[in-house]
Amino acid sequence: MSNKKNCWTLINLGYNNVVVKEKIVAVVSPDAAPIKRLKEEARQSKKLIDATSGRRARAVIITESNHVILASVQPETIAQRFK
């Protein structure tokens, strides 16, 4: 058995919300029609996570597990936090 522990890096989404960096597939703007459809499909399949704390969604994060996370910070801000 390996003694190696999972070490994940957390990305701050603001308002006490974080996401695991290694699980993110894409960070996109919520304005495009395909992204709006993706959000609705995720809502129907119970895979939509709202991390906006009641604010406007400015970024949509797609994860390996096909969860869709709404964030109130810009995609560019999230990309900067990857560094």
PDB file of N, CA and C in Angstrom:
ATOM      1  N   MET A   1       0.824  -1.172   0.000  1.00  0.00           N
ATOM      2  CA  MET A   1       0.000   0.000   0.000  1.00  0.00           C
ATOM      3  C   MET A   1       0.876   1.246   0.000  1.00  0.00           C
ATOM      4  N   SER A   2       0.504   2.226  -0.779  1.00  0.00           N
ATOM      5  CA  SER A   2       1.279   3.452  -0.896  1.00  0.00           C
ATOM      6  C   SER A   2       0.954   4.412   0.234  1.00  0.00           C
ATOM      7  N   ASN A   3       1.973   5.114   0.704  1.00  0.00           N
ATOM      8  CA  ASN A   3       1.791   6.128   1.737  1.00  0.00           C
ATOM      9  C   ASN A   3       1.563   7.509   1.145  1.00  0.00           C
ATOM     10  N   LYS A   4       1.513   7.601  -0.174  1.00  0.00           N
ATOM     11  CA  LYS A   4       1.333   8.887  -0.838  1.00  0.00           C
ATOM     12  C   LYS A   4      -0.083   9.422  -0.591  1.00  0.00           C
ATOM     13  N   LYS A   5      -0.168  10.665  -0.128  1.00  0.00           N
ATOM     14  CA  LYS A   5      -1.450  11.299   0.126  1.00  0.00           C
ATOM     15  C   LYS A   5      -1.861  12.118  -1.091  1.00  0.00           C
ATOM     16  N   ASN A   6      -3.176  12.256  -1.280  1.00  0.00           N
ATOM     17  CA  ASN A   6      -3.670  13.134  -2.334  1.00  0.00           C
ATOM     18  C   ASN A   6      -3.417  14.571  -1.912  1.00  0.00           C
ATOM     19  N   CYS A   7      -2.687  15.298  -2.730  1.00  0.00           N
ATOM     20  CA  CYS A   7      -2.427  16.708  -2.472  1.00  0.00           C
ATOM     21  C   CYS A   7      -3.103  17.513  -3.567  1.00  0.00           C
ATOM     22  N   TRP A   8      -4.189  18.145  -3.224  1.00  0.00           N
ATOM     23  CA  TRP A   8      -4.931  18.930  -4.191  1.00  0.00           C
ATOM     24  C   TRP A   8      -4.687  20.403  -3.951  1.00  0.00           C
ATOM     25  N   THR A   9      -4.705  21.145  -5.026  1.00  0.00           N
ATOM     26  CA  THR A   9      -4.589  22.591  -4.951  1.00  0.00           C
ATOM     27  C   THR A   9      -5.989  23.175  -5.075  1.00  0.00           C
ATOM     28  N   LEU A  10      -6.334  24.067  -4.177  1.00  0.00           N
ATOM     29  CA  LEU A  10      -7.650  24.681  -4.199  1.00  0.00           C
ATOM     30  C   LEU A  10      -7.566  26.054  -4.854  1.00  0.00           C
ATOM     31  N   ILE A  11      -8.555  26.354  -5.703  1.00  0.00           N
ATOM     32  CA  ILE A  11      -8.670  27.656  -6.349  1.00  0.00           C
ATOM     33  C   ILE A  11      -9.816  28.407  -5.667  1.00  0.00           C
ATOM     34  N   ASN A  12      -9.538  29.616  -5.209  1.00  0.00           N
ATOM     35  CA  ASN A  12     -10.539  30.431  -4.531  1.00  0.00           C
ATOM     36  C   ASN A  12     -11.483  31.052  -5.556  1.00  0.00           C
ATOM     37  N   LEU A  13     -12.779  30.841  -5.371  1.00  0.00           N
ATOM     38  CA  LEU A  13     -13.794  31.422  -6.250  1.00  0.00           C
ATOM     39  C   LEU A  13     -14.436  32.652  -5.618  1.00  0.00           C
ATOM     40  N   GLY A  14     -13.995  33.014  -4.441  1.00  0.00           N
ATOM     41  CA  GLY A  14     -14.567  34.143  -3.730  1.00  0.00           C
ATOM     42  C   GLY A  14     -15.712  33.707  -2.848  1.00  0.00           C
ATOM     43  N   TYR A  15     -16.025  34.546  -1.854  1.00  0.00           N
ATOM     44  CA  TYR A  15     -17.153  34.315  -0.957  1.00  0.00           C
ATOM     45  C   TYR A  15     -17.081  32.951  -0.267  1.00  0.00           C
ATOM     46  N   ASN A  16     -15.877  32.563   0.161  1.00  0.00           N
ATOM     47  CA  ASN A  16     -15.629  31.306   0.882  1.00  0.00           C
ATOM     48  C   ASN A  16     -15.944  30.060   0.056  1.00  0.00           C
ATOM     49  N   ASN A  17     -15.776  30.138  -1.252  1.00  0.00           N
ATOM     50  CA  ASN A  17     -15.973  28.987  -2.132  1.00  0.00           C
ATOM     51  C   ASN A  17     -14.659  28.649  -2.813  1.00  0.00           C
ATOM     52  N   VAL A  18     -14.347  27.360  -2.869  1.00  0.00           N
ATOM     53  CA  VAL A  18     -13.128  26.896  -3.533  1.00  0.00           C
ATOM     54  C   VAL A  18     -13.460  25.683  -4.401  1.00  0.00           C
ATOM     55  N   VAL A  19     -12.581  25.408  -5.361  1.00  0.00           N
ATOM     56  CA  VAL A  19     -12.727  24.245  -6.220  1.00  0.00           C
ATOM     57  C   VAL A  19     -11.341  23.608  -6.368  1.00  0.00           C
ATOM     58  N   VAL A  20     -11.293  22.294  -6.573  1.00  0.00           N
ATOM     59  CA  VAL A  20     -10.030  21.579  -6.722  1.00  0.00           C
ATOM     60  C   VAL A  20      -9.476  21.835  -8.126  1.00  0.00           C
ATOM     61  N   LYS A  21      -8.304  22.429  -8.182  1.00  0.00           N
ATOM     62  CA  LYS A  21      -7.660  22.820  -9.447  1.00  0.00           C
ATOM     63  C   LYS A  21      -7.503  21.636 -10.403  1.00  0.00           C
ATOM     64  N   GLU A  22      -7.102  20.506  -9.886  1.00  0.00           N
ATOM     65  CA  GLU A  22      -6.807  19.338 -10.724  1.00  0.00           C
ATOM     66  C   GLU A  22      -8.057  18.717 -11.348  1.00  0.00           C
ATOM     67  N   LYS A  23      -9.220  19.087 -10.894  1.00  0.00           N
ATOM     68  CA  LYS A  23     -10.477  18.528 -11.417  1.00  0.00           C
ATOM     69  C   LYS A  23     -11.133  19.414 -12.473  1.00  0.00           C
ATOM     70  N   ILE A  24     -10.590  20.617 -12.694  1.00  0.00           N
ATOM     71  CA  ILE A  24     -11.183  21.559 -13.644  1.00  0.00           C
ATOM     72  C   ILE A  24     -10.780  21.190 -15.069  1.00  0.00           C
ATOM     73  N   VAL A  25     -11.775  21.143 -15.957  1.00  0.00           N
ATOM     74  CA  VAL A  25     -11.540  20.877 -17.378  1.00  0.00           C
ATOM     75  C   VAL A  25     -11.548  22.182 -18.160  1.00  0.00           C
ATOM     76  N   ALA A  26     -12.490  23.097 -17.842  1.00  0.00           N
ATOM     77  CA  ALA A  26     -12.600  24.354 -18.575  1.00  0.00           C
ATOM     78  C   ALA A  26     -13.213  25.434 -17.689  1.00  0.00           C
ATOM     79  N   VAL A  27     -12.844  26.682 -18.003  1.00  0.00           N
ATOM     80  CA  VAL A  27     -13.450  27.856 -17.384  1.00  0.00           C
ATOM     81  C   VAL A  27     -13.887  28.748 -18.537  1.00  0.00           C
ATOM     82  N   VAL A  28     -15.192  28.997 -18.630  1.00  0.00           N
ATOM     83  CA  VAL A  28     -15.735  29.722 -19.782  1.00  0.00           C
ATOM     84  C   VAL A  28     -16.695  30.817 -19.326  1.00  0.00           C
ATOM     85  N   SER A  29     -17.002  31.705 -20.263  1.00  0.00           N
ATOM     86  CA  SER A  29     -17.975  32.766 -20.027  1.00  0.00           C
ATOM     87  C   SER A  29     -19.376  32.191 -20.125  1.00  0.00           C
ATOM     88  N   PRO A  30     -20.321  32.671 -19.323  1.00  0.00           N
ATOM     89  CA  PRO A  30     -21.675  32.101 -19.317  1.00  0.00           C
ATOM     90  C   PRO A  30     -22.594  32.643 -20.407  1.00  0.00           C
ATOM     91  N   ASP A  31     -22.111  33.538 -21.262  1.00  0.00           N
ATOM     92  CA  ASP A  31     -22.981  34.241 -22.201  1.00  0.00           C
ATOM     93  C   ASP A  31     -23.356  33.467 -23.457  1.00  0.00           C
ATOM     94  N   ALA A  32     -22.539  32.527 -23.888  1.00  0.00           N
ATOM     95  CA  ALA A  32     -22.796  31.811 -25.142  1.00  0.00           C
ATOM     96  C   ALA A  32     -23.971  30.839 -24.993  1.00  0.00           C
ATOM     97  N   ALA A  33     -24.722  30.685 -26.073  1.00  0.00           N
ATOM     98  CA  ALA A  33     -25.894  29.796 -26.060  1.00  0.00           C
ATOM     99  C   ALA A  33     -25.546  28.350 -25.693  1.00  0.00           C
ATOM    100  N   PRO A  34     -24.441  27.773 -26.209  1.00  0.00           N
ATOM    101  CA  PRO A  34     -24.117  26.393 -25.811  1.00  0.00           C
ATOM    102  C   PRO A  34     -23.848  26.250 -24.310  1.00  0.00           C
ATOM    103  N   ILE A  35     -23.280  27.274 -23.702  1.00  0.00           N
ATOM    104  CA  ILE A  35     -23.009  27.231 -22.263  1.00  0.00           C
ATOM    105  C   ILE A  35     -24.316  27.337 -21.486  1.00  0.00           C
ATOM    106  N   LYS A  36     -25.244  28.145 -21.983  1.00  0.00           N
ATOM    107  CA  LYS A  36     -26.556  28.231 -21.339  1.00  0.00           C
ATOM    108  C   LYS A  36     -27.275  26.891 -21.387  1.00  0.00           C
ATOM    109  N   ARG A  37     -27.166  26.181 -22.507  1.00  0.00           N
ATOM    110  CA  ARG A  37     -27.762  24.840 -22.608  1.00  0.00           C
ATOM    111  C   ARG A  37     -27.075  23.878 -21.652  1.00  0.00           C
ATOM    112  N   LEU A  38     -25.751  23.969 -21.577  1.00  0.00           N
ATOM    113  CA  LEU A  38     -24.985  23.110 -20.679  1.00  0.00           C
ATOM    114  C   LEU A  38     -25.407  23.344 -19.225  1.00  0.00           C
ATOM    115  N   LYS A  39     -25.606  24.602 -18.838  1.00  0.00           N
ATOM    116  CA  LYS A  39     -26.067  24.914 -17.480  1.00  0.00           C
ATOM    117  C   LYS A  39     -27.433  24.300 -17.211  1.00  0.00           C
ATOM    118  N   GLU A  40     -28.337  24.390 -18.158  1.00  0.00           N
ATOM    119  CA  GLU A  40     -29.681  23.841 -17.976  1.00  0.00           C
ATOM    120  C   GLU A  40     -29.646  22.319 -17.877  1.00  0.00           C
ATOM    121  N   GLU A  41     -28.827  21.672 -18.703  1.00  0.00           N
ATOM    122  CA  GLU A  41     -28.681  20.208 -18.636  1.00  0.00           C
ATOM    123  C   GLU A  41     -28.116  19.799 -17.281  1.00  0.00           C
ATOM    124  N   ALA A  42     -27.133  20.558 -16.793  1.00  0.00           N
ATOM    125  CA  ALA A  42     -26.537  20.254 -15.484  1.00  0.00           C
ATOM    126  C   ALA A  42     -27.568  20.442 -14.377  1.00  0.00           C
ATOM    127  N   ARG A  43     -28.393  21.462 -14.486  1.00  0.00           N
ATOM    128  CA  ARG A  43     -29.441  21.703 -13.493  1.00  0.00           C
ATOM    129  C   ARG A  43     -30.407  20.525 -13.447  1.00  0.00           C
ATOM    130  N   GLN A  44     -30.819  20.057 -14.622  1.00  0.00           N
ATOM    131  CA  GLN A  44     -31.777  18.948 -14.686  1.00  0.00           C
ATOM    132  C   GLN A  44     -31.189  17.652 -14.152  1.00  0.00           C
ATOM    133  N   SER A  45     -29.888  17.450 -14.354  1.00  0.00           N
ATOM    134  CA  SER A  45     -29.251  16.216 -13.879  1.00  0.00           C
ATOM    135  C   SER A  45     -28.633  16.367 -12.488  1.00  0.00           C
ATOM    136  N   LYS A  46     -28.974  17.473 -11.808  1.00  0.00           N
ATOM    137  CA  LYS A  46     -28.500  17.727 -10.439  1.00  0.00           C
ATOM    138  C   LYS A  46     -26.979  17.824 -10.354  1.00  0.00           C
ATOM    139  N   LYS A  47     -26.338  18.370 -11.390  1.00  0.00           N
ATOM    140  CA  LYS A  47     -24.888  18.538 -11.385  1.00  0.00           C
ATOM    141  C   LYS A  47     -24.480  20.006 -11.491  1.00  0.00           C
ATOM    142  N   LEU A  48     -25.412  20.891 -11.194  1.00  0.00           N
ATOM    143  CA  LEU A  48     -25.115  22.322 -11.215  1.00  0.00           C
ATOM    144  C   LEU A  48     -24.840  22.784  -9.790  1.00  0.00           C
ATOM    145  N   ILE A  49     -23.709  23.466  -9.605  1.00  0.00           N
ATOM    146  CA  ILE A  49     -23.315  23.994  -8.302  1.00  0.00           C
ATOM    147  C   ILE A  49     -23.232  25.509  -8.428  1.00  0.00           C
ATOM    148  N   ASP A  50     -24.012  26.206  -7.640  1.00  0.00           N
ATOM    149  CA  ASP A  50     -24.029  27.660  -7.672  1.00  0.00           C
ATOM    150  C   ASP A  50     -23.127  28.186  -6.563  1.00  0.00           C
ATOM    151  N   ALA A  51     -21.962  28.726  -6.940  1.00  0.00           N
ATOM    152  CA  ALA A  51     -21.012  29.273  -5.972  1.00  0.00           C
ATOM    153  C   ALA A  51     -20.952  30.796  -6.086  1.00  0.00           C
ATOM    154  N   THR A  52     -22.063  31.410  -6.490  1.00  0.00           N
ATOM    155  CA  THR A  52     -22.086  32.857  -6.697  1.00  0.00           C
ATOM    156  C   THR A  52     -22.501  33.637  -5.455  1.00  0.00           C
ATOM    157  N   SER A  53     -23.016  32.981  -4.463  1.00  0.00           N
ATOM    158  CA  SER A  53     -23.527  33.643  -3.254  1.00  0.00           C
ATOM    159  C   SER A  53     -24.551  34.717  -3.597  1.00  0.00           C
ATOM    160  N   GLY A  54     -25.417  34.411  -4.535  1.00  0.00           N
ATOM    161  CA  GLY A  54     -26.493  35.318  -4.906  1.00  0.00           C
ATOM    162  C   GLY A  54     -26.112  36.399  -5.898  1.00  0.00           C
ATOM    163  N   ARG A  55     -24.887  36.370  -6.371  1.00  0.00           N
ATOM    164  CA  ARG A  55     -24.444  37.372  -7.340  1.00  0.00           C
ATOM    165  C   ARG A  55     -24.560  36.841  -8.761  1.00  0.00           C
ATOM    166  N   ARG A  56     -24.316  37.700  -9.725  1.00  0.00           N
ATOM    167  CA  ARG A  56     -24.391  37.324 -11.134  1.00  0.00           C
ATOM    168  C   ARG A  56     -23.258  36.348 -11.472  1.00  0.00           C
ATOM    169  N   ALA A  57     -23.572  35.308 -12.229  1.00  0.00           N
ATOM    170  CA  ALA A  57     -22.543  34.347 -12.674  1.00  0.00           C
ATOM    171  C   ALA A  57     -21.725  34.983 -13.782  1.00  0.00           C
ATOM    172  N   ARG A  58     -20.420  35.050 -13.587  1.00  0.00           N
ATOM    173  CA  ARG A  58     -19.521  35.621 -14.586  1.00  0.00           C
ATOM    174  C   ARG A  58     -18.604  34.576 -15.194  1.00  0.00           C
ATOM    175  N   ALA A  59     -18.579  33.388 -14.589  1.00  0.00           N
ATOM    176  CA  ALA A  59     -17.761  32.296 -15.124  1.00  0.00           C
ATOM    177  C   ALA A  59     -18.478  30.977 -14.868  1.00  0.00           C
ATOM    178  N   VAL A  60     -18.268  30.047 -15.775  1.00  0.00           N
ATOM    179  CA  VAL A  60     -18.796  28.695 -15.646  1.00  0.00           C
ATOM    180  C   VAL A  60     -17.605  27.750 -15.663  1.00  0.00           C
ATOM    181  N   ILE A  61     -17.513  26.918 -14.641  1.00  0.00           N
ATOM    182  CA  ILE A  61     -16.410  25.963 -14.513  1.00  0.00           C
ATOM    183  C   ILE A  61     -16.966  24.573 -14.772  1.00  0.00           C
ATOM    184  N   ILE A  62     -16.288  23.848 -15.655  1.00  0.00           N
ATOM    185  CA  ILE A  62     -16.691  22.475 -15.975  1.00  0.00           C
ATOM    186  C   ILE A  62     -15.633  21.550 -15.406  1.00  0.00           C
ATOM    187  N   THR A  63     -16.076  20.508 -14.694  1.00  0.00           N
ATOM    188  CA  THR A  63     -15.147  19.596 -14.029  1.00  0.00           C
ATOM    189  C   THR A  63     -15.092  18.235 -14.728  1.00  0.00           C
ATOM    190  N   GLU A  64     -14.128  17.433 -14.303  1.00  0.00           N
ATOM    191  CA  GLU A  64     -13.963  16.079 -14.845  1.00  0.00           C
ATOM    192  C   GLU A  64     -15.223  15.235 -14.681  1.00  0.00           C
ATOM    193  N   SER A  65     -15.939  15.454 -13.597  1.00  0.00           N
ATOM    194  CA  SER A  65     -17.129  14.655 -13.294  1.00  0.00           C
ATOM    195  C   SER A  65     -18.393  15.225 -13.953  1.00  0.00           C
ATOM    196  N   ASN A  66     -18.224  16.177 -14.872  1.00  0.00           N
ATOM    197  CA  ASN A  66     -19.317  16.842 -15.582  1.00  0.00           C
ATOM    198  C   ASN A  66     -20.184  17.705 -14.680  1.00  0.00           C
ATOM    199  N   HIS A  67     -19.659  18.082 -13.535  1.00  0.00           N
ATOM    200  CA  HIS A  67     -20.347  19.077 -12.713  1.00  0.00           C
ATOM    201  C   HIS A  67     -20.089  20.443 -13.337  1.00  0.00           C
ATOM    202  N   VAL A  68     -21.072  21.315 -13.249  1.00  0.00           N
ATOM    203  CA  VAL A  68     -20.962  22.674 -13.763  1.00  0.00           C
ATOM    204  C   VAL A  68     -21.079  23.612 -12.567  1.00  0.00           C
ATOM    205  N   ILE A  69     -20.048  24.447 -12.384  1.00  0.00           N
ATOM    206  CA  ILE A  69     -19.991  25.345 -11.234  1.00  0.00           C
ATOM    207  C   ILE A  69     -20.107  26.779 -11.736  1.00  0.00           C
ATOM    208  N   LEU A  70     -21.033  27.523 -11.141  1.00  0.00           N
ATOM    209  CA  LEU A  70     -21.194  28.938 -11.469  1.00  0.00           C
ATOM    210  C   LEU A  70     -20.382  29.751 -10.472  1.00  0.00           C
ATOM    211  N   ALA A  71     -19.578  30.690 -10.986  1.00  0.00           N
ATOM    212  CA  ALA A  71     -18.759  31.546 -10.129  1.00  0.00           C
ATOM    213  C   ALA A  71     -19.037  33.006 -10.454  1.00  0.00           C
ATOM    214  N   SER A  72     -18.897  33.864  -9.453  1.00  0.00           N
ATOM    215  CA  SER A  72     -19.187  35.281  -9.651  1.00  0.00           C
ATOM    216  C   SER A  72     -17.952  36.093 -10.028  1.00  0.00           C
ATOM    217  N   VAL A  73     -16.813  35.435 -10.217  1.00  0.00           N
ATOM    218  CA  VAL A  73     -15.605  36.128 -10.674  1.00  0.00           C
ATOM    219  C   VAL A  73     -15.391  35.847 -12.165  1.00  0.00           C
ATOM    220  N   GLN A  74     -14.656  36.728 -12.822  1.00  0.00           N
ATOM    221  CA  GLN A  74     -14.396  36.604 -14.249  1.00  0.00           C
ATOM    222  C   GLN A  74     -13.525  35.375 -14.554  1.00  0.00           C
ATOM    223  N   PRO A  75     -13.690  34.760 -15.735  1.00  0.00           N
ATOM    224  CA  PRO A  75     -12.821  33.631 -16.117  1.00  0.00           C
ATOM    225  C   PRO A  75     -11.339  33.999 -16.079  1.00  0.00           C
ATOM    226  N   GLU A  76     -11.015  35.228 -16.456  1.00  0.00           N
ATOM    227  CA  GLU A  76      -9.621  35.680 -16.440  1.00  0.00           C
ATOM    228  C   GLU A  76      -9.046  35.692 -15.024  1.00  0.00           C
ATOM    229  N   THR A  77      -9.885  36.058 -14.054  1.00  0.00           N
ATOM    230  CA  THR A  77      -9.460  36.062 -12.656  1.00  0.00           C
ATOM    231  C   THR A  77      -9.159  34.646 -12.181  1.00  0.00           C
ATOM    232  N   ILE A  78     -10.021  33.719 -12.547  1.00  0.00           N
ATOM    233  CA  ILE A  78      -9.795  32.312 -12.172  1.00  0.00           C
ATOM    234  C   ILE A  78      -8.532  31.797 -12.831  1.00  0.00           C
ATOM    235  N   ALA A  79      -8.315  32.147 -14.095  1.00  0.00           N
ATOM    236  CA  ALA A  79      -7.097  31.720 -14.797  1.00  0.00           C
ATOM    237  C   ALA A  79      -5.845  32.264 -14.098  1.00  0.00           C
ATOM    238  N   GLN A  80      -5.893  33.501 -13.620  1.00  0.00           N
ATOM    239  CA  GLN A  80      -4.754  34.071 -12.896  1.00  0.00           C
ATOM    240  C   GLN A  80      -4.477  33.305 -11.596  1.00  0.00           C
ATOM    241  N   ARG A  81      -5.509  32.800 -10.984  1.00  0.00           N
ATOM    242  CA  ARG A  81      -5.349  32.079  -9.719  1.00  0.00           C
ATOM    243  C   ARG A  81      -4.758  30.684  -9.928  1.00  0.00           C
ATOM    244  N   PHE A  82      -4.701  30.225 -11.175  1.00  0.00           N
ATOM    245  CA  PHE A  82      -4.057  28.954 -11.469  1.00  0.00           C
ATOM    246  C   PHE A  82      -2.549  29.055 -11.298  1.00  0.00           C
ATOM    247  N   LYS A  83      -2.008  30.237 -11.413  1.00  0.00           N
ATOM    248  CA  LYS A  83      -0.542  30.429 -11.379  1.00  0.00           C
ATOM    249  C   LYS A  83       0.005  30.440  -9.987  1.00  0.00           C
TER     250      LYS A  83
END
